Amino acid sequence: MLNNLIKESIKRHSLEESPKECCGVLVKTKNNLVAFPCHNVSEKPEKHFSIKPTDYLKASSVGEVEAVYHSHNSSNDKFSPNDILNSKSHDLPFVLYCSPKDSFSTFDPKKSKTFWYDKVFKIGETDCYTVVKEYYKDLGIKLEGENNLGNDWYRKNPELIQQLFDLNKNNPDLPIIELPATSNLRKHDVIVFQFIKGTGPNHVAIYLGNGEILHHPRNKFLCIQELNKTLRKTIFKIYRHEQFS
């Protein structure tokens, strides 16, 4: 899909739009695949992209849309959860060009339905709570606390997750609401799970909407997964920032 001509077209578009993210689509015509630049109409174009609907219609009239592309002007060369969700919902591959690294990445919803990126679970660096902190950092919200107890933290301090959320809940500059497990979920909610009844909370995830969560299971890769009936039964409580209430 990404031949040299396509890559050069996307690079050129990225340079023209910087510091905004560029965006566009790859269109299959009768003869070849071409990059069709679109306008980024996001309210925060330096951090996000939203393709102008009329541009997409124009591209569709030229040929069949094969993929969506956009750029990052920071060193972040990873697809965001929203990128992946949009790729899956539209059933279209996404292409990302990271200009500082001069690198291309692709996400194909038919081949990569679950995994987000290849960070292996590691306590204190890529564990479930660290994912929550990084997700909220992208939203401009700083959460406190970390796990420095190692892999057997649940033996050393089985109340750790509760303490982490109490730390944030009691911060007057961080308006967090604690909700019961039966509450209706909203996008950006933090879900706390208790996998073994009576043992206390032992896992956390972000609710992305549309019945899906972002989380980092132990000994697995960070992933987006359906919040199925089995997982719903293990919800212990829910935390919501007032900004999203």
Protein backbone atom coordinates (compact mmCIF):
# COMPACT_ATOMS: atom_id res chain seq x y z
CA MET A 1 0.00 0.00 0.00
CA LEU A 2 2.72 2.48 0.97
CA ASN A 3 4.87 2.87 -2.13
CA ASN A 4 7.43 5.64 -2.36
CA LEU A 5 5.08 7.97 -4.22
CA ILE A 6 2.42 7.66 -1.51
CA LYS A 7 4.99 8.21 1.23
CA GLU A 8 6.38 11.33 -0.43
CA SER A 9 2.87 12.74 -0.89
CA ILE A 10 2.04 12.24 2.79
CA LYS A 11 5.39 13.69 3.91
CA ARG A 12 4.84 16.76 1.74
CA HIS A 13 1.31 17.23 3.08
CA SER A 14 2.60 16.87 6.66
CA LEU A 15 5.22 19.56 6.10
CA GLU A 16 2.65 21.92 4.56
CA GLU A 17 0.24 21.54 7.49
CA SER A 18 2.74 21.60 10.37
CA PRO A 19 2.28 22.33 13.29
CA LYS A 20 -1.21 20.98 12.61
CA GLU A 21 -1.73 17.29 11.95
CA CYS A 22 -2.34 16.63 8.29
CA CYS A 23 -5.02 14.16 7.25
CA GLY A 24 -6.32 12.58 4.08
CA VAL A 25 -7.27 9.32 2.43
CA LEU A 26 -5.70 6.86 0.03
CA VAL A 27 -7.92 6.39 -3.00
CA LYS A 28 -7.81 3.54 -5.51
CA THR A 29 -8.42 4.80 -9.02
CA LYS A 30 -8.54 2.79 -12.24
CA ASN A 31 -4.80 3.03 -12.67
CA ASN A 32 -3.20 3.27 -9.22
CA LEU A 33 -3.43 4.28 -5.55
CA VAL A 34 -3.15 8.00 -4.81
CA ALA A 35 -3.01 10.17 -1.70
CA PHE A 36 -5.95 12.59 -1.51
CA PRO A 37 -5.20 15.43 0.97
CA CYS A 38 -8.12 16.63 3.15
CA HIS A 39 -8.66 19.56 5.52
CA ASN A 40 -8.26 18.95 9.24
CA VAL A 41 -11.32 20.53 10.89
CA SER A 42 -10.57 19.40 14.44
CA GLU A 43 -10.98 22.00 17.20
CA LYS A 44 -7.42 21.13 18.28
CA PRO A 45 -5.67 20.36 14.97
CA GLU A 46 -2.20 20.35 16.60
CA LYS A 47 -3.18 17.26 18.61
CA HIS A 48 -6.07 15.63 16.77
CA PHE A 49 -7.52 15.30 13.30
CA SER A 50 -10.99 15.27 11.84
CA ILE A 51 -11.46 14.99 8.07
CA LYS A 52 -13.74 17.57 6.49
CA PRO A 53 -16.82 15.60 5.34
CA THR A 54 -17.03 17.30 1.94
CA ASP A 55 -13.38 16.40 1.29
CA TYR A 56 -14.14 12.75 1.99
CA LEU A 57 -17.07 12.88 -0.43
CA LYS A 58 -14.83 14.40 -3.11
CA ALA A 59 -12.27 11.66 -2.57
CA SER A 60 -15.00 9.01 -2.83
CA SER A 61 -16.05 10.41 -6.18
CA VAL A 62 -12.51 9.94 -7.51
CA GLY A 63 -12.29 6.27 -6.55
CA GLU A 64 -12.64 3.79 -3.73
CA VAL A 65 -11.25 4.92 -0.35
CA GLU A 66 -8.70 2.31 0.74
CA ALA A 67 -7.24 3.91 3.90
CA VAL A 68 -7.08 7.02 6.08
CA TYR A 69 -3.81 8.79 6.88
CA HIS A 70 -2.71 11.47 9.30
CA SER A 71 0.52 12.82 10.81
CA HIS A 72 2.03 13.37 14.24
CA ASN A 73 4.41 16.28 14.75
CA SER A 74 5.65 14.94 18.09
CA SER A 75 7.83 11.88 18.67
CA ASN A 76 4.70 9.85 19.39
CA ASP A 77 4.56 7.25 16.63
CA LYS A 78 1.72 5.21 18.18
CA PHE A 79 -1.94 5.14 17.18
CA SER A 80 -4.29 6.53 19.81
CA PRO A 81 -7.25 4.49 21.09
CA ASN A 82 -9.53 6.79 19.09
CA ASP A 83 -7.53 6.10 15.93
CA ILE A 84 -7.97 2.38 16.45
CA LEU A 85 -11.64 2.67 17.28
CA ASN A 86 -12.29 4.77 14.18
CA SER A 87 -10.29 2.37 12.04
CA LYS A 88 -12.38 -0.52 13.33
CA SER A 89 -15.72 1.27 13.11
CA HIS A 90 -15.10 2.39 9.49
CA ASP A 91 -13.37 -0.91 8.64
CA LEU A 92 -10.50 1.00 7.02
CA PRO A 93 -6.74 0.73 7.58
CA PHE A 94 -5.11 3.78 9.17
CA VAL A 95 -1.69 5.13 8.21
CA LEU A 96 0.36 7.30 10.57
CA TYR A 97 3.36 9.41 9.59
CA CYS A 98 5.53 10.61 12.48
CA SER A 99 7.49 13.57 11.11
CA PRO A 100 10.21 13.85 13.83
CA LYS A 101 11.08 10.16 13.35
CA ASP A 102 10.33 10.17 9.61
CA SER A 103 8.51 6.88 10.15
CA PHE A 104 5.30 5.27 8.92
CA SER A 105 2.98 2.95 10.84
CA THR A 106 -0.16 1.16 9.72
CA PHE A 107 -3.11 -0.34 11.56
CA ASP A 108 -5.31 -2.85 9.74
CA PRO A 109 -8.56 -3.63 11.60
CA LYS A 110 -8.86 -6.97 9.81
CA LYS A 111 -5.44 -8.12 11.03
CA SER A 112 -5.08 -6.22 14.31
CA LYS A 113 -8.45 -6.39 15.99
CA THR A 114 -7.20 -6.34 19.55
CA PHE A 115 -3.62 -5.31 20.17
CA TRP A 116 -2.74 -1.65 20.45
CA TYR A 117 1.05 -1.74 20.62
CA ASP A 118 3.79 -4.08 21.68
CA LYS A 119 4.56 -3.09 25.26
CA VAL A 120 4.83 -6.13 27.49
CA PHE A 121 3.26 -5.89 30.95
CA LYS A 122 5.77 -4.69 33.55
CA ILE A 123 4.89 -3.47 37.03
CA GLY A 124 5.64 0.23 37.52
CA GLU A 125 6.21 0.88 33.81
CA THR A 126 3.48 -0.67 31.67
CA ASP A 127 1.00 -2.04 34.20
CA CYS A 128 -2.76 -1.46 34.27
CA TYR A 129 -2.63 1.67 36.46
CA THR A 130 0.18 3.21 34.39
CA VAL A 131 -2.07 2.88 31.32
CA VAL A 132 -4.80 4.82 33.15
CA LYS A 133 -2.32 7.57 34.08
CA GLU A 134 -1.01 7.86 30.52
CA TYR A 135 -4.53 7.93 29.08
CA TYR A 136 -5.59 10.74 31.40
CA LYS A 137 -2.35 12.61 30.78
CA ASP A 138 -3.35 12.77 27.11
CA LEU A 139 -6.62 14.36 28.29
CA GLY A 140 -4.68 17.00 30.25
CA ILE A 141 -5.38 15.41 33.64
CA LYS A 142 -2.56 14.33 35.95
CA LEU A 143 -3.22 11.34 38.20
CA GLU A 144 -0.94 10.64 41.15
CA GLY A 145 0.47 7.39 42.51
CA GLU A 146 2.35 4.41 41.13
CA ASN A 147 3.15 0.80 41.91
CA ASN A 148 6.67 0.24 43.22
CA LEU A 149 5.98 -3.05 45.01
CA GLY A 150 6.83 -5.45 42.20
CA ASN A 151 4.89 -8.31 40.67
CA ASP A 152 3.59 -9.66 43.96
CA TRP A 153 2.10 -6.30 45.01
CA TYR A 154 -1.25 -7.96 45.76
CA ARG A 155 0.45 -9.98 48.52
CA LYS A 156 2.48 -7.09 49.92
CA ASN A 157 -0.44 -4.66 49.80
CA PRO A 158 -3.77 -6.06 48.55
CA GLU A 159 -5.38 -2.63 49.09
CA LEU A 160 -2.97 -0.83 46.74
CA ILE A 161 -5.43 -0.05 43.93
CA GLN A 162 -7.98 1.31 46.38
CA GLN A 163 -5.27 3.47 47.98
CA LEU A 164 -4.21 4.82 44.58
CA PHE A 165 -7.74 5.97 43.82
CA ASP A 166 -8.28 7.32 47.33
CA LEU A 167 -5.12 9.39 46.78
CA ASN A 168 -6.66 10.97 43.68
CA LYS A 169 -10.21 11.15 45.01
CA ASN A 170 -9.05 13.15 48.04
CA ASN A 171 -7.12 15.64 45.92
CA PRO A 172 -9.15 18.92 45.89
CA ASP A 173 -7.63 19.85 42.53
CA LEU A 174 -8.77 16.57 40.99
CA PRO A 175 -12.59 16.28 41.13
CA ILE A 176 -13.23 12.54 40.90
CA ILE A 177 -16.57 10.89 41.56
CA GLU A 178 -16.77 7.34 42.94
CA LEU A 179 -19.70 5.39 41.50
CA PRO A 180 -21.17 1.95 42.24
CA ALA A 181 -20.48 -0.96 39.92
CA THR A 182 -24.01 -0.89 38.49
CA SER A 183 -23.71 2.69 37.19
CA ASN A 184 -24.12 3.40 33.48
CA LEU A 185 -20.68 3.78 31.97
CA ARG A 186 -19.50 6.85 30.12
CA LYS A 187 -16.50 7.36 27.88
CA HIS A 188 -13.27 7.97 29.85
CA ASP A 189 -14.61 6.25 33.01
CA VAL A 190 -12.06 4.25 35.00
CA ILE A 191 -13.36 0.76 35.75
CA VAL A 192 -11.99 -1.08 38.77
CA PHE A 193 -12.32 -4.87 38.68
CA GLN A 194 -12.35 -7.52 41.40
CA PHE A 195 -11.65 -10.77 39.60
CA ILE A 196 -11.89 -12.96 42.72
CA LYS A 197 -14.78 -12.04 44.99
CA GLY A 198 -13.74 -10.89 48.44
CA THR A 199 -10.11 -10.20 47.55
CA GLY A 200 -10.57 -6.51 46.76
CA PRO A 201 -9.86 -4.55 43.55
CA ASN A 202 -6.99 -5.94 41.49
CA HIS A 203 -7.26 -4.49 37.98
CA VAL A 204 -8.24 -1.23 36.24
CA ALA A 205 -9.28 -0.25 32.72
CA ILE A 206 -10.52 2.74 30.73
CA TYR A 207 -13.98 2.67 29.19
CA LEU A 208 -13.71 3.84 25.57
CA GLY A 209 -17.41 3.77 24.75
CA ASN A 210 -19.23 1.43 22.39
CA GLY A 211 -18.82 -1.45 24.84
CA GLU A 212 -15.00 -1.51 24.70
CA ILE A 213 -12.24 -1.04 27.25
CA LEU A 214 -8.53 -0.19 27.07
CA HIS A 215 -6.43 -2.12 29.57
CA HIS A 216 -3.18 -3.97 30.14
CA PRO A 217 -3.76 -7.53 31.38
CA ARG A 218 -1.01 -9.24 33.35
CA ASN A 219 1.57 -11.02 31.13
CA LYS A 220 -0.13 -9.78 27.96
CA PHE A 221 0.01 -6.79 25.62
CA LEU A 222 -1.90 -3.57 26.09
CA CYS A 223 -5.18 -4.06 24.25
CA ILE A 224 -8.66 -2.89 23.38
CA GLN A 225 -11.25 -5.49 24.31
CA GLU A 226 -15.00 -5.90 24.47
CA LEU A 227 -16.48 -5.37 27.93
CA ASN A 228 -18.33 -8.67 27.83
CA LYS A 229 -20.80 -10.11 30.35
CA THR A 230 -18.08 -11.99 32.20
CA LEU A 231 -16.00 -8.84 32.74
CA ARG A 232 -19.07 -6.78 33.68
CA LYS A 233 -19.80 -9.18 36.53
CA THR A 234 -16.38 -8.45 38.04
CA ILE A 235 -16.73 -4.64 38.08
CA PHE A 236 -16.00 -3.45 41.64
CA LYS A 237 -16.56 0.28 41.25
CA ILE A 238 -16.27 3.10 38.74
CA TYR A 239 -14.44 6.42 38.91
CA ARG A 240 -15.42 9.41 36.80
CA HIS A 241 -13.74 12.78 36.46
CA GLU A 242 -16.29 15.59 36.83
CA GLN A 243 -15.15 16.97 33.49
CA PHE A 244 -16.90 13.99 31.85
CA SER A 245 -19.97 13.79 34.08
